[in-house]
PDB file of N, CA and C in Angstrom:
ATOM      1  N   MET A   1     -48.913-205.569 -57.787  1.00  0.00           N
ATOM      2  CA  MET A   1     -49.057-204.688 -56.605  1.00  0.00           C
ATOM      3  C   MET A   1     -49.850-204.380 -56.102  1.00  0.00           C
ATOM      4  N   GLY A   2     -49.713-205.108 -54.655  1.00  0.00           N
ATOM      5  CA  GLY A   2     -50.491-205.700 -54.293  1.00  0.00           C
ATOM      6  C   GLY A   2     -50.626-204.302 -52.482  1.00  0.00           C
ATOM      7  N   GLN A   3     -51.817-204.435 -51.851  1.00  0.00           N
ATOM      8  CA  GLN A   3     -51.487-203.954 -50.233  1.00  0.00           C
ATOM      9  C   GLN A   3     -49.682-203.876 -49.567  1.00  0.00           C
ATOM     10  N   PRO A   4     -49.204-202.632 -49.460  1.00  0.00           N
ATOM     11  CA  PRO A   4     -48.313-202.284 -48.818  1.00  0.00           C
ATOM     12  C   PRO A   4     -47.740-203.668 -47.882  1.00  0.00           C
ATOM     13  N   ARG A   5     -46.670-204.323 -46.988  1.00  0.00           N
ATOM     14  CA  ARG A   5     -46.697-205.048 -45.890  1.00  0.00           C
ATOM     15  C   ARG A   5     -47.091-204.396 -44.987  1.00  0.00           C
ATOM     16  N   ARG A   6     -47.337-205.001 -43.395  1.00  0.00           N
ATOM     17  CA  ARG A   6     -46.965-204.215 -42.287  1.00  0.00           C
ATOM     18  C   ARG A   6     -46.409-204.867 -41.835  1.00  0.00           C
ATOM     19  N   ILE A   7     -45.815-204.273 -40.222  1.00  0.00           N
ATOM     20  CA  ILE A   7     -44.559-204.867 -39.568  1.00  0.00           C
ATOM     21  C   ILE A   7     -45.712-206.110 -38.918  1.00  0.00           C
ATOM     22  N   THR A   8     -47.109-206.166 -38.553  1.00  0.00           N
ATOM     23  CA  THR A   8     -47.240-207.154 -37.791  1.00  0.00           C
ATOM     24  C   THR A   8     -47.632-208.243 -38.651  1.00  0.00           C
ATOM     25  N   ASP A   9     -47.737-208.622 -40.275  1.00  0.00           N
ATOM     26  CA  ASP A   9     -47.549-208.921 -40.543  1.00  0.00           C
ATOM     27  C   ASP A   9     -46.536-210.339 -40.286  1.00  0.00           C
ATOM     28  N   SER A  10     -45.762-210.102 -39.928  1.00  0.00           N
ATOM     29  CA  SER A  10     -43.974-210.019 -40.337  1.00  0.00           C
ATOM     30  C   SER A  10     -44.517-212.318 -38.722  1.00  0.00           C
ATOM     31  N   PHE A  11     -45.298-211.674 -37.419  1.00  0.00           N
ATOM     32  CA  PHE A  11     -45.157-212.182 -36.150  1.00  0.00           C
ATOM     33  C   PHE A  11     -46.376-212.711 -36.785  1.00  0.00           C
ATOM     34  N   PRO A  12     -46.474-214.198 -35.667  1.00  0.00           N
ATOM     35  CA  PRO A  12     -47.760-215.446 -35.840  1.00  0.00           C
ATOM     36  C   PRO A  12     -48.395-214.731 -35.287  1.00  0.00           C
ATOM     37  N   ARG A  13     -50.382-214.982 -35.023  1.00  0.00           N
ATOM     38  CA  ARG A  13     -50.721-214.569 -34.909  1.00  0.00           C
ATOM     39  C   ARG A  13     -51.274-215.979 -33.785  1.00  0.00           C
ATOM     40  N   ARG A  14     -51.696-215.350 -32.734  1.00  0.00           N
ATOM     41  CA  ARG A  14     -52.084-215.715 -31.662  1.00  0.00           C
ATOM     42  C   ARG A  14     -53.515-215.771 -30.550  1.00  0.00           C
ATOM     43  N   ARG A  15     -53.694-217.271 -30.108  1.00  0.00           N
ATOM     44  CA  ARG A  15     -55.184-216.867 -30.076  1.00  0.00           C
ATOM     45  C   ARG A  15     -54.712-216.939 -27.526  1.00  0.00           C
ATOM     46  N   ARG A  16     -55.680-216.122 -27.638  1.00  0.00           N
ATOM     47  CA  ARG A  16     -55.443-216.220 -26.113  1.00  0.00           C
ATOM     48  C   ARG A  16     -56.239-217.143 -25.005  1.00  0.00           C
ATOM     49  N   ARG A  17     -55.109-217.670 -24.356  1.00  0.00           N
ATOM     50  CA  ARG A  17     -56.183-219.033 -23.912  1.00  0.00           C
ATOM     51  C   ARG A  17     -56.908-218.936 -22.334  1.00  0.00           C
ATOM     52  N   ARG A  18     -57.795-219.184 -22.198  1.00  0.00           N
ATOM     53  CA  ARG A  18     -59.055-219.295 -21.190  1.00  0.00           C
ATOM     54  C   ARG A  18     -58.464-220.582 -20.646  1.00  0.00           C
ATOM     55  N   GLY A  19     -59.063-219.985 -18.978  1.00  0.00           N
ATOM     56  CA  GLY A  19     -58.221-221.152 -18.010  1.00  0.00           C
ATOM     57  C   GLY A  19     -59.858-222.262 -18.125  1.00  0.00           C
ATOM     58  N   PRO A  20     -58.679-223.609 -18.214  1.00  0.00           N
ATOM     59  CA  PRO A  20     -59.267-224.712 -17.892  1.00  0.00           C
ATOM     60  C   PRO A  20     -59.948-224.663 -17.149  1.00  0.00           C
ATOM     61  N   GLY A  21     -60.797-225.728 -18.288  1.00  0.00           N
ATOM     62  CA  GLY A  21     -62.486-225.602 -17.569  1.00  0.00           C
ATOM     63  C   GLY A  21     -62.765-224.271 -17.271  1.00  0.00           C
ATOM     64  N   ARG A  22     -62.852-223.235 -17.676  1.00  0.00           N
ATOM     65  CA  ARG A  22     -63.411-222.236 -17.707  1.00  0.00           C
ATOM     66  C   ARG A  22     -64.918-221.576 -19.747  1.00  0.00           C
ATOM     67  N   ALA A  23     -65.888-221.372 -18.891  1.00  0.00           N
ATOM     68  CA  ALA A  23     -66.649-220.991 -20.255  1.00  0.00           C
ATOM     69  C   ALA A  23     -66.311-219.306 -20.440  1.00  0.00           C
ATOM     70  N   PRO A  24     -66.387-219.991 -21.571  1.00  0.00           N
ATOM     71  CA  PRO A  24     -66.377-217.982 -22.251  1.00  0.00           C
ATOM     72  C   PRO A  24     -67.213-216.878 -20.870  1.00  0.00           C
ATOM     73  N   GLY A  25     -66.308-215.724 -20.188  1.00  0.00           N
ATOM     74  CA  GLY A  25     -67.886-214.945 -19.196  1.00  0.00           C
ATOM     75  C   GLY A  25     -68.103-215.958 -18.404  1.00  0.00           C
ATOM     76  N   ARG A  26     -67.307-216.909 -17.645  1.00  0.00           N
ATOM     77  CA  ARG A  26     -67.767-216.946 -16.313  1.00  0.00           C
ATOM     78  C   ARG A  26     -66.661-216.528 -15.645  1.00  0.00           C
ATOM     79  N   LEU A  27     -66.605-216.320 -14.127  1.00  0.00           N
ATOM     80  CA  LEU A  27     -65.906-215.849 -13.544  1.00  0.00           C
ATOM     81  C   LEU A  27     -65.784-216.917 -11.852  1.00  0.00           C
ATOM     82  N   LYS A  28     -64.420-217.461 -12.277  1.00  0.00           N
ATOM     83  CA  LYS A  28     -64.227-218.704 -10.684  1.00  0.00           C
ATOM     84  C   LYS A  28     -65.065-217.690  -9.515  1.00  0.00           C
ATOM     85  N   ASP A  29     -64.643-218.492  -8.112  1.00  0.00           N
ATOM     86  CA  ASP A  29     -65.446-218.438  -6.979  1.00  0.00           C
ATOM     87  C   ASP A  29     -64.517-216.835  -6.780  1.00  0.00           C
ATOM     88  N   GLU A  30     -63.418-217.635  -6.903  1.00  0.00           N
ATOM     89  CA  GLU A  30     -62.093-215.905  -6.193  1.00  0.00           C
ATOM     90  C   GLU A  30     -62.665-214.436  -7.391  1.00  0.00           C
ATOM     91  N   ASP A  31     -62.724-215.096  -7.976  1.00  0.00           N
ATOM     92  CA  ASP A  31     -63.223-213.185  -8.649  1.00  0.00           C
ATOM     93  C   ASP A  31     -64.664-212.975  -7.896  1.00  0.00           C
ATOM     94  N   LYS A  32     -65.866-213.801  -8.053  1.00  0.00           N
ATOM     95  CA  LYS A  32     -66.598-212.912  -7.712  1.00  0.00           C
ATOM     96  C   LYS A  32     -66.270-212.438  -6.695  1.00  0.00           C
ATOM     97  N   ASP A  33     -65.868-213.446  -5.946  1.00  0.00           N
ATOM     98  CA  ASP A  33     -65.325-212.433  -4.064  1.00  0.00           C
ATOM     99  C   ASP A  33     -64.809-211.097  -4.882  1.00  0.00           C
ATOM    100  N   LYS A  34     -63.767-211.032  -4.629  1.00  0.00           N
ATOM    101  CA  LYS A  34     -62.669-210.197  -5.369  1.00  0.00           C
ATOM    102  C   LYS A  34     -64.005-209.411  -5.716  1.00  0.00           C
ATOM    103  N   ALA A  35     -64.873-209.134  -6.655  1.00  0.00           N
ATOM    104  CA  ALA A  35     -65.582-208.409  -7.597  1.00  0.00           C
ATOM    105  C   ALA A  35     -66.750-207.909  -6.605  1.00  0.00           C
ATOM    106  N   GLN A  36     -67.178-208.856  -5.647  1.00  0.00           N
ATOM    107  CA  GLN A  36     -67.850-207.975  -4.561  1.00  0.00           C
ATOM    108  C   GLN A  36     -67.551-206.768  -3.613  1.00  0.00           C
ATOM    109  N   VAL A  37     -65.663-207.329  -3.219  1.00  0.00           N
ATOM    110  CA  VAL A  37     -65.468-206.601  -1.880  1.00  0.00           C
ATOM    111  C   VAL A  37     -64.718-205.407  -2.940  1.00  0.00           C
ATOM    112  N   LYS A  38     -64.771-204.868  -4.418  1.00  0.00           N
ATOM    113  CA  LYS A  38     -64.368-203.608  -4.622  1.00  0.00           C
ATOM    114  C   LYS A  38     -65.707-203.210  -4.591  1.00  0.00           C
ATOM    115  N   ALA A  39     -66.706-203.730  -5.443  1.00  0.00           N
ATOM    116  CA  ALA A  39     -68.037-203.121  -5.284  1.00  0.00           C
ATOM    117  C   ALA A  39     -68.322-202.937  -4.070  1.00  0.00           C
ATOM    118  N   LYS A  40     -68.281-203.197  -2.820  1.00  0.00           N
ATOM    119  CA  LYS A  40     -68.149-203.210  -1.351  1.00  0.00           C
ATOM    120  C   LYS A  40     -67.375-201.646  -1.276  1.00  0.00           C
ATOM    121  N   VAL A  41     -66.170-201.956  -1.368  1.00  0.00           N
ATOM    122  CA  VAL A  41     -65.481-200.443  -0.775  1.00  0.00           C
ATOM    123  C   VAL A  41     -65.450-199.047  -1.813  1.00  0.00           C
ATOM    124  N   ARG A  42     -66.463-199.089  -3.303  1.00  0.00           N
ATOM    125  CA  ARG A  42     -66.474-198.345  -3.590  1.00  0.00           C
ATOM    126  C   ARG A  42     -67.975-198.219  -3.478  1.00  0.00           C
ATOM    127  N   ASP A  43     -68.810-198.289  -2.594  1.00  0.00           N
ATOM    128  CA  ASP A  43     -69.800-197.718  -1.564  1.00  0.00           C
ATOM    129  C   ASP A  43     -69.967-197.840  -0.700  1.00  0.00           C
ATOM    130  N   CYS A  44     -68.437-197.691   0.258  1.00  0.00           N
ATOM    131  CA  CYS A  44     -68.042-197.215   1.287  1.00  0.00           C
ATOM    132  C   CYS A  44     -68.499-195.518   1.136  1.00  0.00           C
ATOM    133  N   PRO A  45     -68.997-194.919   2.597  1.00  0.00           N
ATOM    134  CA  PRO A  45     -69.717-193.276   2.457  1.00  0.00           C
ATOM    135  C   PRO A  45     -68.605-192.759   2.639  1.00  0.00           C
ATOM    136  N   ARG A  46     -68.138-191.511   1.849  1.00  0.00           N
ATOM    137  CA  ARG A  46     -66.609-190.469   2.113  1.00  0.00           C
ATOM    138  C   ARG A  46     -67.620-189.695   3.079  1.00  0.00           C
ATOM    139  N   ALA A  47     -66.011-189.231   3.466  1.00  0.00           N
ATOM    140  CA  ALA A  47     -66.845-187.393   4.063  1.00  0.00           C
ATOM    141  C   ALA A  47     -66.778-186.670   2.517  1.00  0.00           C
ATOM    142  N   PRO A  48     -67.985-186.125   3.758  1.00  0.00           N
ATOM    143  CA  PRO A  48     -67.876-185.382   2.247  1.00  0.00           C
ATOM    144  C   PRO A  48     -67.694-184.071   1.925  1.00  0.00           C
ATOM    145  N   PRO A  49     -67.527-183.424   0.202  1.00  0.00           N
ATOM    146  CA  PRO A  49     -66.490-182.945  -0.362  1.00  0.00           C
ATOM    147  C   PRO A  49     -66.848-181.865   0.291  1.00  0.00           C
ATOM    148  N   PRO A  50     -66.157-180.677   0.186  1.00  0.00           N
ATOM    149  CA  PRO A  50     -65.985-179.654   1.160  1.00  0.00           C
ATOM    150  C   PRO A  50     -66.607-178.229   0.741  1.00  0.00           C
ATOM    151  N   PRO A  51     -67.244-177.376   0.935  1.00  0.00           N
ATOM    152  CA  PRO A  51     -67.956-176.760   0.084  1.00  0.00           C
ATOM    153  C   PRO A  51     -67.274-175.838  -0.552  1.00  0.00           C
ATOM    154  N   PRO A  52     -68.295-175.417  -1.893  1.00  0.00           N
ATOM    155  CA  PRO A  52     -67.772-174.758  -2.843  1.00  0.00           C
ATOM    156  C   PRO A  52     -66.498-172.807  -2.492  1.00  0.00           C
ATOM    157  N   PRO A  53     -65.595-172.727  -2.848  1.00  0.00           N
ATOM    158  CA  PRO A  53     -64.854-172.154  -2.240  1.00  0.00           C
ATOM    159  C   PRO A  53     -65.570-170.587  -3.234  1.00  0.00           C
ATOM    160  N   ASP A  54     -65.619-169.135  -2.400  1.00  0.00           N
ATOM    161  CA  ASP A  54     -66.711-168.091  -2.258  1.00  0.00           C
ATOM    162  C   ASP A  54     -66.272-167.377  -3.678  1.00  0.00           C
ATOM    163  N   PRO A  55     -67.251-167.287  -4.310  1.00  0.00           N
ATOM    164  CA  PRO A  55     -66.967-166.696  -5.519  1.00  0.00           C
ATOM    165  C   PRO A  55     -66.261-165.247  -4.984  1.00  0.00           C
ATOM    166  N   ALA A  56     -66.056-164.789  -4.504  1.00  0.00           N
ATOM    167  CA  ALA A  56     -65.528-163.125  -4.126  1.00  0.00           C
ATOM    168  C   ALA A  56     -64.347-163.811  -3.936  1.00  0.00           C
ATOM    169  N   LEU A  57     -64.299-164.427  -3.301  1.00  0.00           N
ATOM    170  CA  LEU A  57     -62.383-164.495  -2.282  1.00  0.00           C
ATOM    171  C   LEU A  57     -62.080-165.457  -4.097  1.00  0.00           C
ATOM    172  N   LEU A  58     -62.045-166.007  -4.707  1.00  0.00           N
ATOM    173  CA  LEU A  58     -61.950-166.322  -6.262  1.00  0.00           C
ATOM    174  C   LEU A  58     -61.110-165.467  -6.794  1.00  0.00           C
ATOM    175  N   GLU A  59     -62.729-164.396  -6.936  1.00  0.00           N
ATOM    176  CA  GLU A  59     -61.884-163.116  -8.100  1.00  0.00           C
ATOM    177  C   GLU A  59     -60.918-161.815  -7.746  1.00  0.00           C
ATOM    178  N   MET A  60     -60.793-162.210  -6.265  1.00  0.00           N
ATOM    179  CA  MET A  60     -59.571-161.822  -5.967  1.00  0.00           C
ATOM    180  C   MET A  60     -58.200-162.486  -5.968  1.00  0.00           C
ATOM    181  N   LEU A  61     -59.036-163.472  -6.132  1.00  0.00           N
ATOM    182  CA  LEU A  61     -57.598-164.348  -6.555  1.00  0.00           C
ATOM    183  C   LEU A  61     -57.210-164.327  -7.717  1.00  0.00           C
ATOM    184  N   ARG A  62     -57.823-164.391  -8.353  1.00  0.00           N
ATOM    185  CA  ARG A  62     -57.949-164.179  -9.432  1.00  0.00           C
ATOM    186  C   ARG A  62     -56.981-163.211 -10.173  1.00  0.00           C
ATOM    187  N   ARG A  63     -57.662-161.832  -9.367  1.00  0.00           N
ATOM    188  CA  ARG A  63     -57.842-160.106  -9.598  1.00  0.00           C
ATOM    189  C   ARG A  63     -55.739-159.960  -9.401  1.00  0.00           C
ATOM    190  N   PHE A  64     -55.043-160.826  -7.942  1.00  0.00           N
ATOM    191  CA  PHE A  64     -53.496-160.461  -7.759  1.00  0.00           C
ATOM    192  C   PHE A  64     -52.845-161.750  -8.990  1.00  0.00           C
ATOM    193  N   ASP A  65     -53.325-163.081  -8.490  1.00  0.00           N
ATOM    194  CA  ASP A  65     -52.074-163.520 -10.315  1.00  0.00           C
ATOM    195  C   ASP A  65     -52.175-162.544 -11.293  1.00  0.00           C
ATOM    196  N   LEU A  66     -53.497-161.793 -11.784  1.00  0.00           N
ATOM    197  CA  LEU A  66     -53.371-161.366 -13.113  1.00  0.00           C
ATOM    198  C   LEU A  66     -52.608-160.032 -13.161  1.00  0.00           C
ATOM    199  N   CYS A  67     -51.994-159.896 -11.882  1.00  0.00           N
ATOM    200  CA  CYS A  67     -51.839-158.187 -11.766  1.00  0.00           C
ATOM    201  C   CYS A  67     -49.973-158.446 -12.184  1.00  0.00           C
ATOM    202  N   TRP A  68     -48.998-157.445 -13.064  1.00  0.00           N
ATOM    203  CA  TRP A  68     -47.845-157.707 -12.747  1.00  0.00           C
ATOM    204  C   TRP A  68     -47.264-156.671 -12.135  1.00  0.00           C
ATOM    205  N   GLU A  69     -47.660-155.791 -11.210  1.00  0.00           N
ATOM    206  CA  GLU A  69     -47.309-155.103 -10.483  1.00  0.00           C
ATOM    207  C   GLU A  69     -47.167-155.953  -8.904  1.00  0.00           C
ATOM    208  N   TYR A  70     -46.557-156.705  -8.928  1.00  0.00           N
ATOM    209  CA  TYR A  70     -46.602-157.716  -7.863  1.00  0.00           C
ATOM    210  C   TYR A  70     -45.611-158.356  -8.335  1.00  0.00           C
ATOM    211  N   GLY A  71     -44.654-158.935  -9.748  1.00  0.00           N
ATOM    212  CA  GLY A  71     -43.639-159.357 -10.252  1.00  0.00           C
ATOM    213  C   GLY A  71     -44.551-160.600 -10.790  1.00  0.00           C
ATOM    214  N   PRO A  72     -43.787-161.667 -11.901  1.00  0.00           N
ATOM    215  CA  PRO A  72     -43.993-162.605 -12.104  1.00  0.00           C
ATOM    216  C   PRO A  72     -44.743-163.367 -11.266  1.00  0.00           C
ATOM    217  N   CYS A  73     -45.724-165.036 -11.979  1.00  0.00           N
ATOM    218  CA  CYS A  73     -45.801-165.310 -10.938  1.00  0.00           C
ATOM    219  C   CYS A  73     -45.722-166.861 -11.251  1.00  0.00           C
ATOM    220  N   THR A  74     -44.824-167.501 -12.554  1.00  0.00           N
ATOM    221  CA  THR A  74     -44.734-168.676 -12.761  1.00  0.00           C
ATOM    222  C   THR A  74     -43.516-169.177 -12.051  1.00  0.00           C
ATOM    223  N   GLY A  75     -43.231-170.843 -11.259  1.00  0.00           N
ATOM    224  CA  GLY A  75     -42.587-171.281 -10.747  1.00  0.00           C
ATOM    225  C   GLY A  75     -42.998-170.915  -9.058  1.00  0.00           C
ATOM    226  N   ILE A  76     -43.603-170.244  -8.723  1.00  0.00           N
ATOM    227  CA  ILE A  76     -43.531-169.921  -7.174  1.00  0.00           C
ATOM    228  C   ILE A  76     -45.409-170.129  -6.837  1.00  0.00           C
ATOM    229  N   THR A  77     -45.303-169.919  -4.686  1.00  0.00           N
ATOM    230  CA  THR A  77     -46.702-170.190  -4.875  1.00  0.00           C
ATOM    231  C   THR A  77     -47.661-168.997  -4.879  1.00  0.00           C
ATOM    232  N   ARG A  78     -48.877-168.615  -5.603  1.00  0.00           N
ATOM    233  CA  ARG A  78     -49.560-166.958  -4.110  1.00  0.00           C
ATOM    234  C   ARG A  78     -49.163-167.074  -2.586  1.00  0.00           C
ATOM    235  N   LEU A  79     -48.872-167.855  -2.203  1.00  0.00           N
ATOM    236  CA  LEU A  79     -48.398-166.771  -1.024  1.00  0.00           C
ATOM    237  C   LEU A  79     -46.578-166.831  -1.243  1.00  0.00           C
ATOM    238  N   GLN A  80     -46.016-167.686  -1.284  1.00  0.00           N
ATOM    239  CA  GLN A  80     -44.664-167.174  -1.858  1.00  0.00           C
ATOM    240  C   GLN A  80     -44.359-165.028  -2.823  1.00  0.00           C
ATOM    241  N   ARG A  81     -45.417-165.473  -3.246  1.00  0.00           N
ATOM    242  CA  ARG A  81     -45.300-164.497  -4.855  1.00  0.00           C
ATOM    243  C   ARG A  81     -46.153-163.045  -3.901  1.00  0.00           C
ATOM    244  N   TRP A  82     -46.318-162.870  -2.569  1.00  0.00           N
ATOM    245  CA  TRP A  82     -46.917-162.614  -1.742  1.00  0.00           C
ATOM    246  C   TRP A  82     -46.411-161.660  -1.210  1.00  0.00           C
ATOM    247  N   GLU A  83     -45.395-162.699  -0.264  1.00  0.00           N
ATOM    248  CA  GLU A  83     -44.266-162.739   0.810  1.00  0.00           C
ATOM    249  C   GLU A  83     -43.379-161.361   0.090  1.00  0.00           C
ATOM    250  N   ARG A  84     -43.368-162.138  -1.525  1.00  0.00           N
ATOM    251  CA  ARG A  84     -41.732-161.459  -1.958  1.00  0.00           C
ATOM    252  C   ARG A  84     -42.171-160.193  -2.729  1.00  0.00           C
ATOM    253  N   ALA A  85     -43.795-159.880  -2.777  1.00  0.00           N
ATOM    254  CA  ALA A  85     -44.289-158.443  -2.495  1.00  0.00           C
ATOM    255  C   ALA A  85     -43.923-157.933  -2.205  1.00  0.00           C
ATOM    256  N   GLN A  86     -44.590-158.203  -0.964  1.00  0.00           N
ATOM    257  CA  GLN A  86     -44.176-157.338   0.148  1.00  0.00           C
ATOM    258  C   GLN A  86     -42.914-157.204   0.267  1.00  0.00           C
ATOM    259  N   ALA A  87     -42.344-158.008   0.251  1.00  0.00           N
ATOM    260  CA  ALA A  87     -40.049-157.920   0.898  1.00  0.00           C
ATOM    261  C   ALA A  87     -39.862-157.079  -0.003  1.00  0.00           C
ATOM    262  N   LEU A  88     -40.515-156.596  -1.694  1.00  0.00           N
ATOM    263  CA  LEU A  88     -39.966-156.004  -2.453  1.00  0.00           C
ATOM    264  C   LEU A  88     -40.892-154.072  -2.298  1.00  0.00           C
ATOM    265  N   GLY A  89     -41.351-154.325  -1.490  1.00  0.00           N
ATOM    266  CA  GLY A  89     -42.611-152.818  -0.862  1.00  0.00           C
ATOM    267  C   GLY A  89     -43.337-152.004  -2.048  1.00  0.00           C
ATOM    268  N   LEU A  90     -44.259-153.569  -2.409  1.00  0.00           N
ATOM    269  CA  LEU A  90     -45.062-153.476  -3.134  1.00  0.00           C
ATOM    270  C   LEU A  90     -46.380-152.808  -2.294  1.00  0.00           C
ATOM    271  N   SER A  91     -46.981-153.058  -1.674  1.00  0.00           N
ATOM    272  CA  SER A  91     -47.758-153.247  -1.122  1.00  0.00           C
ATOM    273  C   SER A  91     -49.152-154.164  -1.506  1.00  0.00           C
ATOM    274  N   PRO A  92     -48.708-155.231  -1.044  1.00  0.00           N
ATOM    275  CA  PRO A  92     -50.001-155.906  -1.798  1.00  0.00           C
ATOM    276  C   PRO A  92     -50.720-156.536  -1.352  1.00  0.00           C
ATOM    277  N   PRO A  93     -52.275-156.935  -1.042  1.00  0.00           N
ATOM    278  CA  PRO A  93     -53.528-156.534  -0.355  1.00  0.00           C
ATOM    279  C   PRO A  93     -53.350-157.543   0.879  1.00  0.00           C
ATOM    280  N   GLY A  94     -53.955-157.741   1.766  1.00  0.00           N
ATOM    281  CA  GLY A  94     -53.525-157.996   2.738  1.00  0.00           C
ATOM    282  C   GLY A  94     -54.811-159.125   2.929  1.00  0.00           C
ATOM    283  N   PRO A  95     -55.921-158.532   2.218  1.00  0.00           N
ATOM    284  CA  PRO A  95     -56.933-160.141   2.270  1.00  0.00           C
ATOM    285  C   PRO A  95     -57.035-161.550   1.882  1.00  0.00           C
ATOM    286  N   VAL A  96     -55.317-160.927   0.311  1.00  0.00           N
ATOM    287  CA  VAL A  96     -54.683-162.019  -0.417  1.00  0.00           C
ATOM    288  C   VAL A  96     -54.289-162.840   0.436  1.00  0.00           C
ATOM    289  N   ARG A  97     -53.183-162.086   1.345  1.00  0.00           N
ATOM    290  CA  ARG A  97     -52.783-163.452   1.873  1.00  0.00           C
ATOM    291  C   ARG A  97     -53.483-163.622   2.944  1.00  0.00           C
ATOM    292  N   ASP A  98     -54.244-162.704   3.292  1.00  0.00           N
ATOM    293  CA  ASP A  98     -55.567-164.255   4.748  1.00  0.00           C
ATOM    294  C   ASP A  98     -56.182-165.122   4.326  1.00  0.00           C
ATOM    295  N   ALA A  99     -56.302-164.877   2.765  1.00  0.00           N
ATOM    296  CA  ALA A  99     -57.031-166.428   2.414  1.00  0.00           C
ATOM    297  C   ALA A  99     -56.092-167.594   1.479  1.00  0.00           C
ATOM    298  N   LEU A 100     -55.281-166.864   1.518  1.00  0.00           N
ATOM    299  CA  LEU A 100     -54.491-168.070   1.220  1.00  0.00           C
ATOM    300  C   LEU A 100     -53.684-168.657   2.532  1.00  0.00           C
ATOM    301  N   LEU A 101     -53.809-168.252   4.008  1.00  0.00           N
ATOM    302  CA  LEU A 101     -53.134-168.771   4.633  1.00  0.00           C
ATOM    303  C   LEU A 101     -54.151-169.747   5.340  1.00  0.00           C
ATOM    304  N   GLU A 102     -55.650-169.370   5.107  1.00  0.00           N
ATOM    305  CA  GLU A 102     -56.268-169.351   5.874  1.00  0.00           C
ATOM    306  C   GLU A 102     -56.798-170.676   4.941  1.00  0.00           C
ATOM    307  N   HIS A 103     -56.671-171.267   3.590  1.00  0.00           N
ATOM    308  CA  HIS A 103     -57.123-171.993   2.393  1.00  0.00           C
ATOM    309  C   HIS A 103     -55.961-172.730   2.278  1.00  0.00           C
ATOM    310  N   ARG A 104     -54.292-172.883   3.252  1.00  0.00           N
ATOM    311  CA  ARG A 104     -53.262-173.318   2.940  1.00  0.00           C
ATOM    312  C   ARG A 104     -53.104-174.852   2.004  1.00  0.00           C
ATOM    313  N   ASP A 105     -54.924-175.521   2.971  1.00  0.00           N
ATOM    314  CA  ASP A 105     -54.416-177.010   2.695  1.00  0.00           C
ATOM    315  C   ASP A 105     -54.732-177.351   1.331  1.00  0.00           C
ATOM    316  N   ASN A 106     -55.509-175.982   0.155  1.00  0.00           N
ATOM    317  CA  ASN A 106     -56.740-176.311  -1.062  1.00  0.00           C
ATOM    318  C   ASN A 106     -55.877-175.477  -2.514  1.00  0.00           C
ATOM    319  N   PRO A 107     -55.234-175.695  -3.643  1.00  0.00           N
ATOM    320  CA  PRO A 107     -54.387-174.646  -4.199  1.00  0.00           C
ATOM    321  C   PRO A 107     -54.787-174.004  -4.680  1.00  0.00           C
TER     322      PRO A 107
END
């Protein structure tokens, strides 16, 4: 009993063909141009990243997330949870809503 057969043993092995007349590791002129364009696009200056949020703000949002007094938080956004708590008369903290409206684009 030798080694067990593998499923890949039943398929013929093929070598990859290289392009006609190209030496291994050489790029065509078109490929060189594409590589240069990609390098240029990669080197373009981008807009500066937004400043990191205030640690006190993150702590306030974390406390709001972990407080079960305002109901479950799965499946809805923080703002929806805040509005639901307000509608139920649970009086959620106002600064949380202000922060959520101020940073609406930042989840």
